C-alpha atoms as a PDB file:
ATOM      1  CA  MET A   1     -60.536 -10.984   6.772  1.00  0.00           C
ATOM      2  CA  HIS A   2     -60.360  -7.390   5.601  1.00  0.00           C
ATOM      3  CA  GLU A   3     -56.844  -6.484   4.439  1.00  0.00           C
ATOM      4  CA  ASP A   4     -56.599  -3.471   6.789  1.00  0.00           C
ATOM      5  CA  CYS A   5     -57.466  -5.502   9.908  1.00  0.00           C
ATOM      6  CA  VAL A   6     -54.623  -6.141  12.323  1.00  0.00           C
ATOM      7  CA  ALA A   7     -54.454  -9.272  14.465  1.00  0.00           C
ATOM      8  CA  ILE A   8     -53.287  -8.069  17.877  1.00  0.00           C
ATOM      9  CA  ARG A   9     -52.979 -11.422  19.656  1.00  0.00           C
ATOM     10  CA  PRO A  10     -54.633 -14.814  19.977  1.00  0.00           C
ATOM     11  CA  LEU A  11     -57.188 -15.084  22.789  1.00  0.00           C
ATOM     12  CA  TRP A  12     -58.498 -18.651  22.890  1.00  0.00           C
ATOM     13  CA  LEU A  13     -57.905 -22.067  21.439  1.00  0.00           C
ATOM     14  CA  VAL A  14     -61.321 -23.707  21.756  1.00  0.00           C
ATOM     15  CA  GLN A  15     -62.065 -27.388  21.364  1.00  0.00           C
ATOM     16  CA  ASN A  16     -65.787 -27.636  20.778  1.00  0.00           C
ATOM     17  CA  PHE A  17     -68.111 -30.628  20.594  1.00  0.00           C
ATOM     18  CA  PHE A  18     -71.586 -29.888  19.258  1.00  0.00           C
ATOM     19  CA  THR A  19     -74.535 -31.036  17.174  1.00  0.00           C
ATOM     20  CA  GLU A  20     -75.147 -28.631  14.306  1.00  0.00           C
ATOM     21  CA  ASP A  21     -78.590 -26.995  14.328  1.00  0.00           C
ATOM     22  CA  VAL A  22     -79.273 -27.441  10.616  1.00  0.00           C
ATOM     23  CA  ASP A  23     -77.929 -30.870   9.623  1.00  0.00           C
ATOM     24  CA  ARG A  24     -78.107 -32.419  13.145  1.00  0.00           C
ATOM     25  CA  MET A  25     -74.619 -33.922  12.644  1.00  0.00           C
ATOM     26  CA  ASP A  26     -72.133 -34.179  15.516  1.00  0.00           C
ATOM     27  CA  TYR A  27     -68.958 -32.105  15.150  1.00  0.00           C
ATOM     28  CA  HIS A  28     -65.605 -31.744  16.862  1.00  0.00           C
ATOM     29  CA  GLU A  29     -63.875 -28.486  15.974  1.00  0.00           C
ATOM     30  CA  LEU A  30     -60.754 -26.611  16.970  1.00  0.00           C
ATOM     31  CA  CYS A  31     -60.838 -22.823  16.625  1.00  0.00           C
ATOM     32  CA  ILE A  32     -58.406 -20.048  17.417  1.00  0.00           C
ATOM     33  CA  TYR A  33     -59.988 -16.691  18.269  1.00  0.00           C
ATOM     34  CA  PHE A  34     -57.969 -13.493  17.844  1.00  0.00           C
ATOM     35  CA  LEU A  35     -58.299  -9.966  19.142  1.00  0.00           C
ATOM     36  CA  ILE A  36     -58.529  -7.867  15.968  1.00  0.00           C
ATOM     37  CA  ASP A  37     -58.089  -4.124  15.456  1.00  0.00           C
ATOM     38  CA  ILE A  38     -60.482  -2.875  12.755  1.00  0.00           C
ATOM     39  CA  SER A  39     -60.091   0.843  13.556  1.00  0.00           C
ATOM     40  CA  LYS A  40     -58.252   1.540  10.269  1.00  0.00           C
ATOM     41  CA  THR A  41     -61.007  -0.025   8.170  1.00  0.00           C
ATOM     42  CA  ASP A  42     -64.429   1.099   7.052  1.00  0.00           C
ATOM     43  CA  LEU A  43     -65.968  -1.952   8.734  1.00  0.00           C
ATOM     44  CA  LEU A  44     -67.127  -0.012  11.799  1.00  0.00           C
ATOM     45  CA  ASN A  45     -69.502   2.058   9.675  1.00  0.00           C
ATOM     46  CA  LYS A  46     -71.088  -0.822   7.786  1.00  0.00           C
ATOM     47  CA  GLU A  47     -74.033  -3.001   8.605  1.00  0.00           C
ATOM     48  CA  GLU A  48     -72.821  -5.710   6.331  1.00  0.00           C
ATOM     49  CA  TRP A  49     -73.429  -9.418   5.964  1.00  0.00           C
ATOM     50  CA  PHE A  50     -70.737 -11.608   4.532  1.00  0.00           C
ATOM     51  CA  THR A  51     -70.888 -15.238   3.507  1.00  0.00           C
ATOM     52  CA  MET A  52     -68.423 -18.114   3.628  1.00  0.00           C
ATOM     53  CA  TYR A  53     -68.911 -21.423   1.833  1.00  0.00           C
ATOM     54  CA  GLU A  54     -67.572 -24.592   3.424  1.00  0.00           C
ATOM     55  CA  GLY A  55     -68.438 -27.703   1.432  1.00  0.00           C
ATOM     56  CA  ARG A  56     -72.232 -27.907   1.425  1.00  0.00           C
ATOM     57  CA  HIS A  57     -72.502 -25.470   4.347  1.00  0.00           C
ATOM     58  CA  ILE A  58     -73.168 -21.771   3.865  1.00  0.00           C
ATOM     59  CA  HIS A  59     -72.142 -19.550   6.768  1.00  0.00           C
ATOM     60  CA  CYS A  60     -73.638 -16.046   6.939  1.00  0.00           C
ATOM     61  CA  PHE A  61     -71.954 -13.520   9.215  1.00  0.00           C
ATOM     62  CA  GLU A  62     -72.948 -10.065  10.362  1.00  0.00           C
ATOM     63  CA  TRP A  63     -71.745  -7.431  12.788  1.00  0.00           C
ATOM     64  CA  ILE A  64     -73.694  -7.531  16.066  1.00  0.00           C
ATOM     65  CA  SER A  65     -73.624  -4.656  18.514  1.00  0.00           C
ATOM     66  CA  PHE A  66     -72.745  -5.385  22.135  1.00  0.00           C
ATOM     67  CA  ASP A  67     -76.275  -4.275  23.053  1.00  0.00           C
ATOM     68  CA  ASN A  68     -77.807  -7.042  20.904  1.00  0.00           C
ATOM     69  CA  LEU A  69     -75.288  -9.782  21.630  1.00  0.00           C
ATOM     70  CA  GLN A  70     -77.162 -11.407  24.521  1.00  0.00           C
ATOM     71  CA  THR A  71     -80.412 -11.822  22.569  1.00  0.00           C
ATOM     72  CA  SER A  72     -78.900 -12.762  19.193  1.00  0.00           C
ATOM     73  CA  TYR A  73     -78.572 -16.245  17.724  1.00  0.00           C
ATOM     74  CA  PHE A  74     -74.847 -16.409  18.213  1.00  0.00           C
ATOM     75  CA  TYR A  75     -72.249 -19.172  18.555  1.00  0.00           C
ATOM     76  CA  PRO A  76     -70.034 -20.060  20.235  1.00  0.00           C
ATOM     77  CA  GLY A  77     -72.154 -19.271  23.262  1.00  0.00           C
ATOM     78  CA  PHE A  78     -69.230 -18.691  25.625  1.00  0.00           C
ATOM     79  CA  LEU A  79     -68.405 -15.474  23.741  1.00  0.00           C
ATOM     80  CA  LYS A  80     -71.647 -13.835  24.891  1.00  0.00           C
ATOM     81  CA  LYS A  81     -70.068 -13.579  28.344  1.00  0.00           C
ATOM     82  CA  GLU A  82     -66.321 -13.815  27.732  1.00  0.00           C
ATOM     83  CA  ILE A  83     -66.158 -11.020  25.151  1.00  0.00           C
ATOM     84  CA  TYR A  84     -66.487  -8.622  28.097  1.00  0.00           C
ATOM     85  CA  ASN A  85     -63.640 -10.412  29.945  1.00  0.00           C
ATOM     86  CA  LEU A  86     -60.866 -11.024  27.420  1.00  0.00           C
ATOM     87  CA  PRO A  87     -58.080 -13.251  28.760  1.00  0.00           C
ATOM     88  CA  GLU A  88     -54.697 -11.680  29.466  1.00  0.00           C
ATOM     89  CA  CYS A  89     -52.910 -14.647  27.919  1.00  0.00           C
ATOM     90  CA  PHE A  90     -53.683 -17.311  25.329  1.00  0.00           C
ATOM     91  CA  THR A  91     -56.260 -19.648  26.924  1.00  0.00           C
ATOM     92  CA  ILE A  92     -57.277 -23.190  26.028  1.00  0.00           C
ATOM     93  CA  ARG A  93     -60.861 -24.235  26.688  1.00  0.00           C
ATOM     94  CA  THR A  94     -63.171 -27.129  25.860  1.00  0.00           C
ATOM     95  CA  ASP A  95     -66.890 -26.554  25.326  1.00  0.00           C
ATOM     96  CA  HIS A  96     -69.756 -28.973  24.880  1.00  0.00           C
ATOM     97  CA  LYS A  97     -73.047 -27.752  23.429  1.00  0.00           C
END
């Protein structure tokens, strides 16, 4: 995460069961999603990709505008709807893809 980003609060703890699109392996993951303030960074003005390496997996990330969110290849899928309805308190959810 960018050093000038500020984590405001946690939003969701998500338990997710899914089959990965690339390696077709079954996964069980736990993720915590945070509301982040990036207003004091230069990230809002960049169309930037960034990459994370996790074992043999390469994860490529990019900023997606709200206008393009519904038609983008984007996971976890629940965020396409819930990003417009952020929970008032920390919420636990289980998703199956």
